[in-house]
Amino acid sequence: MYKTTLTVCASKIIQDVTSNAVSIIDVFEEFNAPGLPFVIPGLSILWTIEREAVDPPTLVGHIRILQEQELGIYPVNIDFKGSLRTRSILVIRGLVIAHLSDLKIEFKLNEELITTLSLPIKTTPHLALGHVGHY
């Protein structure tokens, strides 16, 4: 049985090729928009998955982005490469947000929903006016 151990959204997620270490920069917990619509210039998604030894080591997954409608569905080839844990990093450039509803991210393996992540969208009009102060 497959299990998600971590999902994170950030502006950048970097995996070092020599050490295999992951760096996560500017984690997104919510989005504060000066108005609608607005563009998220870069959205990186980290998905860490575990399996049991009897589970197949390769499979196809999908990451689906929704906000009142489907904004995109992205295939993810999962390969555990002999391990019981793996990770996948998806990078999306230029995601347009048109509504105040939450940005929902679904993680599926073999068409089965494994987990979801929800990020609130809020408007903060004073950001557009260049207001400086405590928020």
Protein backbone atom coordinates (compact mmCIF):
# COMPACT_ATOMS: atom_id res chain seq x y z
CA MET A 1 0.00 0.00 0.00
CA TYR A 2 1.34 3.40 -1.00
CA LYS A 3 1.37 6.25 1.49
CA THR A 4 2.17 9.94 1.14
CA THR A 5 4.61 11.06 3.82
CA LEU A 6 5.03 14.69 2.75
CA THR A 7 3.56 17.26 0.37
CA VAL A 8 4.94 20.79 0.16
CA CYS A 9 4.31 23.73 -2.17
CA ALA A 10 6.95 26.43 -2.54
CA SER A 11 8.30 28.91 -5.03
CA LYS A 12 11.39 26.71 -5.50
CA ILE A 13 12.32 23.15 -4.62
CA ILE A 14 15.85 22.12 -5.47
CA GLN A 15 17.27 18.59 -5.38
CA ASP A 16 21.07 18.37 -5.23
CA VAL A 17 22.34 15.79 -7.73
CA THR A 18 25.38 14.77 -5.68
CA SER A 19 23.88 14.51 -2.17
CA ASN A 20 20.20 13.97 -3.11
CA ALA A 21 19.32 16.59 -0.46
CA VAL A 22 16.26 18.76 -1.07
CA SER A 23 16.08 22.49 -0.38
CA ILE A 24 12.68 24.16 -0.13
CA ILE A 25 12.55 27.93 -0.66
CA ASP A 26 9.57 30.19 0.13
CA VAL A 27 6.98 27.68 1.35
CA PHE A 28 3.39 28.48 0.35
CA GLU A 29 0.75 28.03 3.07
CA GLU A 30 -1.68 30.50 1.48
CA PHE A 31 -1.67 33.16 -1.23
CA ASN A 32 -2.36 36.85 -0.63
CA ALA A 33 -3.44 38.46 -3.88
CA PRO A 34 -3.62 42.23 -4.46
CA GLY A 35 -6.57 41.54 -6.78
CA LEU A 36 -8.03 38.98 -9.12
CA PRO A 37 -7.01 37.49 -11.40
CA PHE A 38 -3.34 37.11 -10.44
CA VAL A 39 -0.47 34.89 -11.52
CA ILE A 40 1.66 32.62 -9.38
CA PRO A 41 4.92 32.90 -11.36
CA GLY A 42 6.40 29.66 -10.04
CA LEU A 43 4.82 26.81 -8.09
CA SER A 44 6.97 23.83 -7.12
CA ILE A 45 5.38 20.77 -5.53
CA LEU A 46 7.24 18.09 -3.56
CA TRP A 47 5.52 14.71 -3.11
CA THR A 48 7.20 12.05 -0.96
CA ILE A 49 5.75 8.53 -1.11
CA GLU A 50 6.41 5.29 0.74
CA ARG A 51 5.52 1.75 -0.34
CA GLU A 52 5.54 -1.70 1.19
CA ALA A 53 8.03 -4.26 -0.14
CA VAL A 54 5.25 -6.16 -1.95
CA ASP A 55 4.08 -3.05 -3.88
CA PRO A 56 5.30 -2.57 -7.47
CA PRO A 57 8.33 -0.23 -7.63
CA THR A 58 7.08 1.71 -10.68
CA LEU A 59 3.71 3.26 -11.39
CA VAL A 60 2.06 6.29 -12.92
CA GLY A 61 0.74 9.08 -10.76
CA HIS A 62 -1.01 12.37 -11.43
CA ILE A 63 -1.00 15.72 -9.73
CA ARG A 64 -4.22 17.61 -10.42
CA ILE A 65 -4.63 21.34 -9.72
CA LEU A 66 -8.16 22.67 -9.18
CA GLN A 67 -9.80 25.95 -8.32
CA GLU A 68 -13.54 25.81 -9.06
CA GLN A 69 -12.43 24.03 -12.24
CA GLU A 70 -9.45 21.96 -13.31
CA LEU A 71 -6.41 24.17 -13.94
CA GLY A 72 -4.14 21.33 -14.96
CA ILE A 73 -3.37 17.65 -14.61
CA TYR A 74 0.26 16.57 -14.67
CA PRO A 75 1.45 12.96 -15.12
CA VAL A 76 4.19 11.82 -12.76
CA ASN A 77 6.25 8.69 -13.42
CA ILE A 78 7.04 7.14 -10.04
CA ASP A 79 10.10 4.89 -9.75
CA PHE A 80 11.25 3.75 -6.32
CA LYS A 81 14.55 2.44 -7.77
CA GLY A 82 14.84 -0.39 -5.26
CA SER A 83 13.92 1.78 -2.27
CA LEU A 84 10.76 1.89 -0.15
CA ARG A 85 10.62 5.70 -0.34
CA THR A 86 10.79 8.11 -3.25
CA ARG A 87 9.99 11.70 -4.08
CA SER A 88 8.71 13.58 -7.06
CA ILE A 89 9.09 17.29 -7.80
CA LEU A 90 6.73 19.10 -10.16
CA VAL A 91 7.42 22.66 -11.33
CA ILE A 92 4.62 24.78 -12.81
CA ARG A 93 5.29 28.20 -14.34
CA GLY A 94 2.62 30.89 -14.68
CA LEU A 95 -0.43 29.52 -12.84
CA VAL A 96 -3.37 31.95 -13.23
CA ILE A 97 -5.68 32.27 -10.21
CA ALA A 98 -9.08 33.79 -11.00
CA HIS A 99 -11.18 33.03 -7.89
CA LEU A 100 -11.05 33.41 -4.12
CA SER A 101 -11.69 29.71 -3.54
CA ASP A 102 -8.91 27.49 -2.21
CA LEU A 103 -6.30 26.13 -4.59
CA LYS A 104 -6.70 22.36 -4.30
CA ILE A 105 -3.99 19.89 -5.26
CA GLU A 106 -4.86 16.20 -5.62
CA PHE A 107 -2.22 13.47 -5.63
CA LYS A 108 -3.23 10.21 -7.37
CA LEU A 109 -1.51 6.87 -7.94
CA ASN A 110 -3.04 4.48 -10.48
CA GLU A 111 -6.14 6.74 -10.55
CA GLU A 112 -6.62 6.35 -6.76
CA LEU A 113 -6.69 9.57 -4.72
CA ILE A 114 -3.86 9.29 -2.19
CA THR A 115 -3.95 12.74 -0.56
CA THR A 116 -4.93 16.36 -1.13
CA LEU A 117 -3.44 19.71 -0.23
CA SER A 118 -5.49 22.89 0.04
CA LEU A 119 -4.04 26.41 -0.08
CA PRO A 120 -6.34 29.38 0.73
CA ILE A 121 -6.50 32.34 -1.66
CA LYS A 122 -7.06 35.68 0.09
CA THR A 123 -7.22 39.21 -1.24
CA THR A 124 -5.18 41.94 0.37
CA PRO A 125 -5.92 45.08 -1.69
CA HIS A 126 -3.55 47.25 0.35
CA LEU A 127 -0.62 45.28 -1.16
CA ALA A 128 -1.46 46.80 -4.54
CA LEU A 129 -1.24 50.30 -3.09
CA GLY A 130 2.28 49.79 -1.80
CA HIS A 131 1.17 49.98 1.85
CA VAL A 132 3.94 49.13 4.30
CA GLY A 133 3.10 47.88 7.76
CA HIS A 134 2.22 44.92 9.88
CA TYR A 135 -0.16 42.44 8.29
